[in-house]
Each structure stands twice: as structure tokens, then as C-alpha cells.
Amino acid sequence: MAEKRRKFDPEFREGAVRIVTETGKTIAEVAADLGINETTLASWVSRARRAGTAPVGGSDELERLRRENAQLKGHKELGMERDVLKRCMGAPRSSV
């Protein structure tokens, strides 16, 4: 026999979406914490973002971390470029 579908009231749905958007936790983490299906929560979050009731970017802290991550990636690329230039300068030159 098929399982009966669970019904969630609007307050529960809104709260679950807020947890995802404001804490920076993944949908999988929040779904596991709340004991609901990950796909169900993902559809709630997606629906809320399309409706404009949930922020797309998340919290201010999450945005700060994203900017910092992008900055650090830039530093890493500069370091790689420096290393390539060092190897080029240190390589023996062939005479033609």
C-alpha cells in the first residue's frame, strides 16, 4: 500500500526556506535536520526565489565569504603566474 503524503503548513515551509537562505546551510543539511525530503525543500526554495520572497544570494555573511573567496582565487592565480615567469627566467636559453 502506498504511503500517505505528508502535508506541511505554510509557516513550516517559510521557516525551512528562511533557514536555507539566512544561515548559508545547504539544502541537504537543512532537509536532514528537519526530516524532510531534499527535493521537496529544494522546490520550496526555488519557488520562493522565483516569487521574490527569498533572497537569492543568502545572508550578508555568506556574501562576504563569497567575495573573500573570489579575492583569494585571484591571489592564487597571481602566484601561479609568478611561478611560471620564474621558471621561464631560470630556464637555460638555447643559442640559435
C-alpha atoms as a PDB file:
ATOM      1  CA  MET A   1       0.000   0.000   0.000  1.00  0.00           C
ATOM      2  CA  ALA A   2       1.256   3.485  -0.850  1.00  0.00           C
ATOM      3  CA  GLU A   3       2.426   5.862   1.851  1.00  0.00           C
ATOM      4  CA  LYS A   4       0.226   8.811   2.733  1.00  0.00           C
ATOM      5  CA  ARG A   5       1.763  12.132   1.631  1.00  0.00           C
ATOM      6  CA  ARG A   6       2.745  14.487   4.398  1.00  0.00           C
ATOM      7  CA  LYS A   7       1.273  17.975   4.361  1.00  0.00           C
ATOM      8  CA  PHE A   8       3.274  20.953   5.571  1.00  0.00           C
ATOM      9  CA  ASP A   9       1.667  24.200   6.628  1.00  0.00           C
ATOM     10  CA  PRO A  10       2.843  27.468   5.026  1.00  0.00           C
ATOM     11  CA  GLU A  11       4.630  28.597   8.197  1.00  0.00           C
ATOM     12  CA  PHE A  12       6.763  25.447   8.212  1.00  0.00           C
ATOM     13  CA  ARG A  13       7.648  25.907   4.534  1.00  0.00           C
ATOM     14  CA  GLU A  14       8.568  29.561   5.023  1.00  0.00           C
ATOM     15  CA  GLY A  15      10.673  28.706   8.053  1.00  0.00           C
ATOM     16  CA  ALA A  16      12.540  25.985   6.189  1.00  0.00           C
ATOM     17  CA  VAL A  17      13.238  28.349   3.282  1.00  0.00           C
ATOM     18  CA  ARG A  18      14.464  31.036   5.692  1.00  0.00           C
ATOM     19  CA  ILE A  19      16.868  28.573   7.310  1.00  0.00           C
ATOM     20  CA  VAL A  20      18.398  27.795   3.900  1.00  0.00           C
ATOM     21  CA  THR A  21      18.623  31.412   2.765  1.00  0.00           C
ATOM     22  CA  GLU A  22      19.721  33.040   6.010  1.00  0.00           C
ATOM     23  CA  THR A  23      22.130  30.527   7.538  1.00  0.00           C
ATOM     24  CA  GLY A  24      24.061  29.514   4.457  1.00  0.00           C
ATOM     25  CA  LYS A  25      23.460  25.837   5.204  1.00  0.00           C
ATOM     26  CA  THR A  26      22.936  23.602   2.203  1.00  0.00           C
ATOM     27  CA  ILE A  27      19.507  22.344   1.259  1.00  0.00           C
ATOM     28  CA  ALA A  28      20.668  18.810   2.052  1.00  0.00           C
ATOM     29  CA  GLU A  29      21.742  19.781   5.578  1.00  0.00           C
ATOM     30  CA  VAL A  30      18.510  21.605   6.360  1.00  0.00           C
ATOM     31  CA  ALA A  31      16.368  18.833   4.896  1.00  0.00           C
ATOM     32  CA  ALA A  32      18.155  16.246   7.032  1.00  0.00           C
ATOM     33  CA  ASP A  33      17.796  18.426  10.138  1.00  0.00           C
ATOM     34  CA  LEU A  34      14.070  18.878   9.549  1.00  0.00           C
ATOM     35  CA  GLY A  35      13.416  15.293   8.466  1.00  0.00           C
ATOM     36  CA  ILE A  36      12.036  16.183   5.057  1.00  0.00           C
ATOM     37  CA  ASN A  37      12.938  15.183   1.520  1.00  0.00           C
ATOM     38  CA  GLU A  38      15.763  17.201  -0.021  1.00  0.00           C
ATOM     39  CA  THR A  39      13.900  17.563  -3.329  1.00  0.00           C
ATOM     40  CA  THR A  40      10.844  18.914  -1.537  1.00  0.00           C
ATOM     41  CA  LEU A  41      12.871  21.590   0.232  1.00  0.00           C
ATOM     42  CA  ALA A  42      14.714  22.469  -2.983  1.00  0.00           C
ATOM     43  CA  SER A  43      11.405  23.065  -4.748  1.00  0.00           C
ATOM     44  CA  TRP A  44      10.202  25.300  -1.892  1.00  0.00           C
ATOM     45  CA  VAL A  45      13.397  27.364  -2.053  1.00  0.00           C
ATOM     46  CA  SER A  46      13.212  27.610  -5.830  1.00  0.00           C
ATOM     47  CA  ARG A  47       9.563  28.651  -5.731  1.00  0.00           C
ATOM     48  CA  ALA A  48      10.277  31.289  -3.060  1.00  0.00           C
ATOM     49  CA  ARG A  49      13.170  32.740  -5.065  1.00  0.00           C
ATOM     50  CA  ARG A  50      11.078  32.949  -8.226  1.00  0.00           C
ATOM     51  CA  ALA A  51       8.316  34.657  -6.268  1.00  0.00           C
ATOM     52  CA  GLY A  52      10.862  37.094  -4.845  1.00  0.00           C
ATOM     53  CA  THR A  53      10.123  36.179  -1.238  1.00  0.00           C
ATOM     54  CA  ALA A  54      13.530  34.630  -0.571  1.00  0.00           C
ATOM     55  CA  PRO A  55      16.881  36.322  -1.199  1.00  0.00           C
ATOM     56  CA  VAL A  56      18.865  34.734  -3.991  1.00  0.00           C
ATOM     57  CA  GLY A  57      22.290  35.456  -2.527  1.00  0.00           C
ATOM     58  CA  GLY A  58      21.715  34.499   1.091  1.00  0.00           C
ATOM     59  CA  SER A  59      22.943  36.315   4.161  1.00  0.00           C
ATOM     60  CA  ASP A  60      25.441  39.159   4.399  1.00  0.00           C
ATOM     61  CA  GLU A  61      27.996  36.801   5.936  1.00  0.00           C
ATOM     62  CA  LEU A  62      27.645  34.411   3.018  1.00  0.00           C
ATOM     63  CA  GLU A  63      28.131  37.251   0.553  1.00  0.00           C
ATOM     64  CA  ARG A  64      31.231  38.433   2.442  1.00  0.00           C
ATOM     65  CA  LEU A  65      32.686  34.927   2.297  1.00  0.00           C
ATOM     66  CA  ARG A  66      31.980  34.670  -1.428  1.00  0.00           C
ATOM     67  CA  ARG A  67      33.803  37.961  -2.070  1.00  0.00           C
ATOM     68  CA  GLU A  68      36.735  36.828   0.069  1.00  0.00           C
ATOM     69  CA  ASN A  69      36.867  33.512  -1.769  1.00  0.00           C
ATOM     70  CA  ALA A  70      36.958  35.274  -5.139  1.00  0.00           C
ATOM     71  CA  GLN A  71      39.760  37.527  -3.897  1.00  0.00           C
ATOM     72  CA  LEU A  72      41.781  34.547  -2.683  1.00  0.00           C
ATOM     73  CA  LYS A  73      41.338  32.788  -6.023  1.00  0.00           C
ATOM     74  CA  GLY A  74      42.788  35.894  -7.670  1.00  0.00           C
ATOM     75  CA  HIS A  75      45.811  35.719  -5.369  1.00  0.00           C
ATOM     76  CA  LYS A  76      46.269  32.051  -6.222  1.00  0.00           C
ATOM     77  CA  GLU A  77      46.223  32.818  -9.950  1.00  0.00           C
ATOM     78  CA  LEU A  78      48.810  35.568  -9.477  1.00  0.00           C
ATOM     79  CA  GLY A  79      51.036  33.138  -7.602  1.00  0.00           C
ATOM     80  CA  MET A  80      50.763  30.611 -10.401  1.00  0.00           C
ATOM     81  CA  GLU A  81      51.651  33.274 -12.981  1.00  0.00           C
ATOM     82  CA  ARG A  82      54.662  34.314 -10.873  1.00  0.00           C
ATOM     83  CA  ASP A  83      55.854  30.708 -10.694  1.00  0.00           C
ATOM     84  CA  VAL A  84      55.576  30.311 -14.473  1.00  0.00           C
ATOM     85  CA  LEU A  85      57.564  33.505 -15.029  1.00  0.00           C
ATOM     86  CA  LYS A  86      60.238  32.363 -12.562  1.00  0.00           C
ATOM     87  CA  ARG A  87      60.609  29.081 -14.437  1.00  0.00           C
ATOM     88  CA  CYS A  88      60.860  30.940 -17.762  1.00  0.00           C
ATOM     89  CA  MET A  89      63.533  33.281 -16.432  1.00  0.00           C
ATOM     90  CA  GLY A  90      65.519  30.499 -14.827  1.00  0.00           C
ATOM     91  CA  ALA A  91      65.420  28.108 -17.757  1.00  0.00           C
ATOM     92  CA  PRO A  92      68.626  27.752 -19.767  1.00  0.00           C
ATOM     93  CA  ARG A  93      68.485  29.609 -23.045  1.00  0.00           C
ATOM     94  CA  SER A  94      69.483  27.957 -26.256  1.00  0.00           C
ATOM     95  CA  SER A  95      71.610  29.850 -28.718  1.00  0.00           C
ATOM     96  CA  VAL A  96      70.365  29.928 -32.269  1.00  0.00           C
END
